[in-house]
């Protein structure tokens, strides 16, 4: 998987999830700290994780669900390209 493609797909999914909650995320940058922006609730975050697993054909262990792996778009893209 190309990291640039993954970044765009992940940004699009996060933006769609945020908008479904009534939050604006159209200016979301690749290094913006997503938890600090408060644009996703816990249900949307779990939906994102399930989408990542389905889209990239990976299984994400609970121990990997950390800020270091999922705090920004760049970190998420790096994780899925490394593990996919």
N, C-alpha and C. Protein backbone atom coordinates (compact mmCIF):
# COMPACT_ATOMS: atom_id res chain seq x y z
N UNK A 1 0.86 -1.19 0.00
CA UNK A 1 0.00 0.00 0.00
C UNK A 1 0.89 1.24 0.00
N UNK A 2 0.58 2.14 -0.89
CA UNK A 2 1.28 3.41 -1.00
C UNK A 2 0.89 4.30 0.20
N UNK A 3 1.89 4.82 0.94
CA UNK A 3 1.58 5.65 2.11
C UNK A 3 0.74 6.89 1.78
N UNK A 4 0.97 7.50 0.61
CA UNK A 4 0.19 8.69 0.24
C UNK A 4 -1.28 8.35 0.02
N UNK A 5 -1.52 7.21 -0.62
CA UNK A 5 -2.90 6.75 -0.82
C UNK A 5 -3.55 6.44 0.52
N UNK A 6 -2.82 5.76 1.38
CA UNK A 6 -3.35 5.43 2.71
C UNK A 6 -3.69 6.70 3.48
N UNK A 7 -2.80 7.68 3.45
CA UNK A 7 -3.05 8.95 4.16
C UNK A 7 -4.35 9.59 3.68
N UNK A 8 -4.53 9.64 2.36
CA UNK A 8 -5.74 10.27 1.81
C UNK A 8 -7.00 9.49 2.21
N UNK A 9 -6.95 8.17 2.12
CA UNK A 9 -8.11 7.36 2.50
C UNK A 9 -8.44 7.54 3.98
N UNK A 10 -7.42 7.56 4.82
CA UNK A 10 -7.62 7.72 6.26
C UNK A 10 -8.17 9.11 6.57
N UNK A 11 -7.61 10.14 5.93
CA UNK A 11 -8.12 11.50 6.14
C UNK A 11 -9.59 11.59 5.73
N UNK A 12 -9.93 11.00 4.58
CA UNK A 12 -11.32 11.03 4.11
C UNK A 12 -12.25 10.33 5.10
N UNK A 13 -11.83 9.18 5.63
CA UNK A 13 -12.67 8.43 6.58
C UNK A 13 -12.85 9.22 7.88
N UNK A 14 -11.77 9.78 8.41
CA UNK A 14 -11.87 10.56 9.65
C UNK A 14 -12.75 11.78 9.44
N UNK A 15 -12.61 12.44 8.30
CA UNK A 15 -13.44 13.61 8.00
C UNK A 15 -14.91 13.22 7.93
N UNK A 16 -15.20 12.10 7.28
CA UNK A 16 -16.59 11.63 7.17
C UNK A 16 -17.16 11.28 8.54
N UNK A 17 -16.37 10.60 9.35
CA UNK A 17 -16.83 10.24 10.70
C UNK A 17 -17.08 11.50 11.54
N UNK A 18 -16.18 12.46 11.46
CA UNK A 18 -16.34 13.71 12.22
C UNK A 18 -17.60 14.44 11.77
N UNK A 19 -17.79 14.52 10.46
CA UNK A 19 -18.96 15.23 9.94
C UNK A 19 -20.26 14.53 10.33
N UNK A 20 -20.24 13.20 10.43
CA UNK A 20 -21.44 12.48 10.86
C UNK A 20 -21.82 12.82 12.30
N UNK A 21 -20.84 13.32 13.05
CA UNK A 21 -21.08 13.74 14.44
C UNK A 21 -21.34 15.24 14.53
N UNK A 22 -21.34 15.92 13.38
CA UNK A 22 -21.57 17.36 13.37
C UNK A 22 -20.32 18.17 13.63
N UNK A 23 -19.15 17.56 13.47
CA UNK A 23 -17.88 18.24 13.69
C UNK A 23 -17.18 18.49 12.36
N UNK A 24 -16.55 19.65 12.24
CA UNK A 24 -15.82 19.99 11.02
C UNK A 24 -14.39 19.46 11.13
N UNK A 25 -13.94 18.80 10.06
CA UNK A 25 -12.58 18.29 10.03
C UNK A 25 -11.95 18.50 8.66
N UNK A 26 -12.50 19.44 7.88
CA UNK A 26 -12.03 19.62 6.51
C UNK A 26 -10.61 20.19 6.43
N UNK A 27 -10.09 20.77 7.48
CA UNK A 27 -8.72 21.28 7.48
C UNK A 27 -7.75 20.37 8.21
N UNK A 28 -8.13 19.12 8.41
CA UNK A 28 -7.32 18.17 9.17
C UNK A 28 -5.99 17.92 8.48
N UNK A 29 -4.90 18.20 9.19
CA UNK A 29 -3.57 17.97 8.66
C UNK A 29 -3.02 16.61 9.05
N UNK A 30 -2.01 16.17 8.32
CA UNK A 30 -1.46 14.84 8.54
C UNK A 30 -0.79 14.67 9.90
N UNK A 31 -0.35 15.78 10.49
CA UNK A 31 0.31 15.70 11.80
C UNK A 31 -0.53 16.31 12.92
N UNK A 32 -1.79 16.65 12.64
CA UNK A 32 -2.67 17.15 13.70
C UNK A 32 -2.98 16.03 14.67
N UNK A 33 -2.93 16.33 15.95
CA UNK A 33 -3.16 15.34 17.00
C UNK A 33 -4.66 15.14 17.16
N UNK A 34 -5.18 14.07 16.59
CA UNK A 34 -6.62 13.83 16.48
C UNK A 34 -7.34 13.82 17.83
N UNK A 35 -6.84 13.14 18.86
CA UNK A 35 -7.57 13.16 20.14
C UNK A 35 -7.73 14.57 20.72
N UNK A 36 -6.75 15.42 20.48
CA UNK A 36 -6.79 16.78 21.01
C UNK A 36 -7.83 17.64 20.29
N UNK A 37 -8.15 17.29 19.04
CA UNK A 37 -9.12 18.06 18.26
C UNK A 37 -10.56 17.78 18.69
N UNK A 38 -10.77 16.66 19.38
CA UNK A 38 -12.09 16.29 19.89
C UNK A 38 -13.15 16.24 18.78
N UNK A 39 -12.78 15.62 17.65
CA UNK A 39 -13.72 15.54 16.52
C UNK A 39 -14.38 14.16 16.42
N UNK A 40 -13.81 13.16 17.12
CA UNK A 40 -14.39 11.81 17.11
C UNK A 40 -14.73 11.40 18.53
N UNK A 41 -15.87 10.76 18.70
CA UNK A 41 -16.19 10.19 20.00
C UNK A 41 -15.69 8.75 20.02
N UNK A 42 -15.91 8.05 21.12
CA UNK A 42 -15.37 6.70 21.25
C UNK A 42 -15.99 5.74 20.24
N UNK A 43 -17.27 5.90 19.93
CA UNK A 43 -17.91 5.02 18.95
C UNK A 43 -17.33 5.25 17.56
N UNK A 44 -17.09 6.51 17.20
CA UNK A 44 -16.50 6.82 15.90
C UNK A 44 -15.06 6.31 15.83
N UNK A 45 -14.35 6.38 16.92
CA UNK A 45 -12.98 5.87 16.97
C UNK A 45 -12.97 4.37 16.75
N UNK A 46 -13.90 3.66 17.37
CA UNK A 46 -13.98 2.21 17.16
C UNK A 46 -14.40 1.89 15.72
N UNK A 47 -15.29 2.70 15.16
CA UNK A 47 -15.67 2.51 13.76
C UNK A 47 -14.46 2.70 12.84
N UNK A 48 -13.62 3.69 13.16
CA UNK A 48 -12.39 3.92 12.40
C UNK A 48 -11.47 2.70 12.48
N UNK A 49 -11.30 2.15 13.68
CA UNK A 49 -10.43 0.98 13.86
C UNK A 49 -10.96 -0.20 13.05
N UNK A 50 -12.26 -0.45 13.11
CA UNK A 50 -12.85 -1.55 12.34
C UNK A 50 -12.68 -1.32 10.84
N UNK A 51 -12.86 -0.08 10.41
CA UNK A 51 -12.68 0.26 9.00
C UNK A 51 -11.24 0.01 8.57
N UNK A 52 -10.28 0.41 9.41
CA UNK A 52 -8.87 0.18 9.10
C UNK A 52 -8.58 -1.31 8.93
N UNK A 53 -9.12 -2.12 9.84
CA UNK A 53 -8.91 -3.56 9.76
C UNK A 53 -9.49 -4.14 8.47
N UNK A 54 -10.69 -3.73 8.12
CA UNK A 54 -11.35 -4.24 6.91
C UNK A 54 -10.67 -3.72 5.64
N UNK A 55 -10.38 -2.44 5.61
CA UNK A 55 -9.83 -1.82 4.40
C UNK A 55 -8.42 -2.30 4.10
N UNK A 56 -7.62 -2.47 5.14
CA UNK A 56 -6.21 -2.81 4.94
C UNK A 56 -5.90 -4.28 5.25
N UNK A 57 -6.94 -5.06 5.57
CA UNK A 57 -6.76 -6.48 5.80
C UNK A 57 -5.82 -6.81 6.93
N UNK A 58 -5.93 -6.03 8.01
CA UNK A 58 -5.07 -6.24 9.17
C UNK A 58 -5.91 -6.50 10.40
N UNK A 59 -5.28 -7.06 11.40
CA UNK A 59 -5.89 -7.22 12.71
C UNK A 59 -5.09 -6.35 13.67
N UNK A 60 -5.77 -5.46 14.36
CA UNK A 60 -5.08 -4.54 15.26
C UNK A 60 -5.27 -5.01 16.70
N UNK A 61 -4.20 -5.52 17.32
CA UNK A 61 -4.31 -5.96 18.70
C UNK A 61 -4.56 -4.78 19.64
N UNK A 62 -5.26 -5.05 20.73
CA UNK A 62 -5.56 -3.99 21.70
C UNK A 62 -4.30 -3.27 22.17
N UNK A 63 -3.20 -4.01 22.33
CA UNK A 63 -1.95 -3.40 22.80
C UNK A 63 -1.40 -2.36 21.83
N UNK A 64 -1.80 -2.45 20.56
CA UNK A 64 -1.32 -1.49 19.55
C UNK A 64 -2.19 -0.24 19.48
N UNK A 65 -3.31 -0.23 20.15
CA UNK A 65 -4.22 0.93 20.10
C UNK A 65 -3.70 2.02 21.04
N UNK A 66 -2.64 2.68 20.59
CA UNK A 66 -1.98 3.71 21.39
C UNK A 66 -1.93 5.02 20.61
N UNK A 67 -1.68 6.09 21.33
CA UNK A 67 -1.49 7.40 20.71
C UNK A 67 -0.30 7.36 19.77
N UNK A 68 0.73 6.59 20.12
CA UNK A 68 1.93 6.50 19.29
C UNK A 68 1.64 5.87 17.93
N UNK A 69 0.60 5.05 17.84
CA UNK A 69 0.22 4.42 16.58
C UNK A 69 -0.94 5.10 15.88
N UNK A 70 -1.82 5.76 16.64
CA UNK A 70 -3.07 6.26 16.08
C UNK A 70 -3.38 7.72 16.42
N UNK A 71 -2.38 8.49 16.82
CA UNK A 71 -2.60 9.88 17.21
C UNK A 71 -2.77 10.86 16.07
N UNK A 72 -2.17 10.55 14.92
CA UNK A 72 -2.24 11.44 13.76
C UNK A 72 -2.48 10.60 12.50
N UNK A 73 -2.82 11.27 11.44
CA UNK A 73 -3.00 10.57 10.16
C UNK A 73 -1.69 9.92 9.73
N UNK A 74 -0.57 10.64 9.87
CA UNK A 74 0.72 10.06 9.50
C UNK A 74 1.04 8.81 10.30
N UNK A 75 0.75 8.83 11.60
CA UNK A 75 1.02 7.65 12.43
C UNK A 75 0.13 6.48 12.03
N UNK A 76 -1.12 6.75 11.75
CA UNK A 76 -2.05 5.70 11.34
C UNK A 76 -1.61 5.12 10.00
N UNK A 77 -1.28 5.98 9.04
CA UNK A 77 -0.84 5.52 7.73
C UNK A 77 0.42 4.68 7.84
N UNK A 78 1.35 5.12 8.69
CA UNK A 78 2.56 4.34 8.92
C UNK A 78 2.27 2.98 9.50
N UNK A 79 1.34 2.94 10.44
CA UNK A 79 0.98 1.66 11.07
C UNK A 79 0.36 0.72 10.06
N UNK A 80 -0.61 1.18 9.28
CA UNK A 80 -1.29 0.27 8.36
C UNK A 80 -0.39 -0.15 7.20
N UNK A 81 0.49 0.71 6.74
CA UNK A 81 1.38 0.31 5.66
C UNK A 81 2.45 -0.65 6.16
N UNK A 82 2.86 -0.50 7.41
CA UNK A 82 3.85 -1.40 7.98
C UNK A 82 3.23 -2.77 8.30
N UNK A 83 1.99 -2.79 8.70
CA UNK A 83 1.34 -4.03 9.14
C UNK A 83 0.40 -4.65 8.11
N UNK A 84 0.18 -3.97 7.01
CA UNK A 84 -0.76 -4.44 6.01
C UNK A 84 -0.16 -5.31 4.94
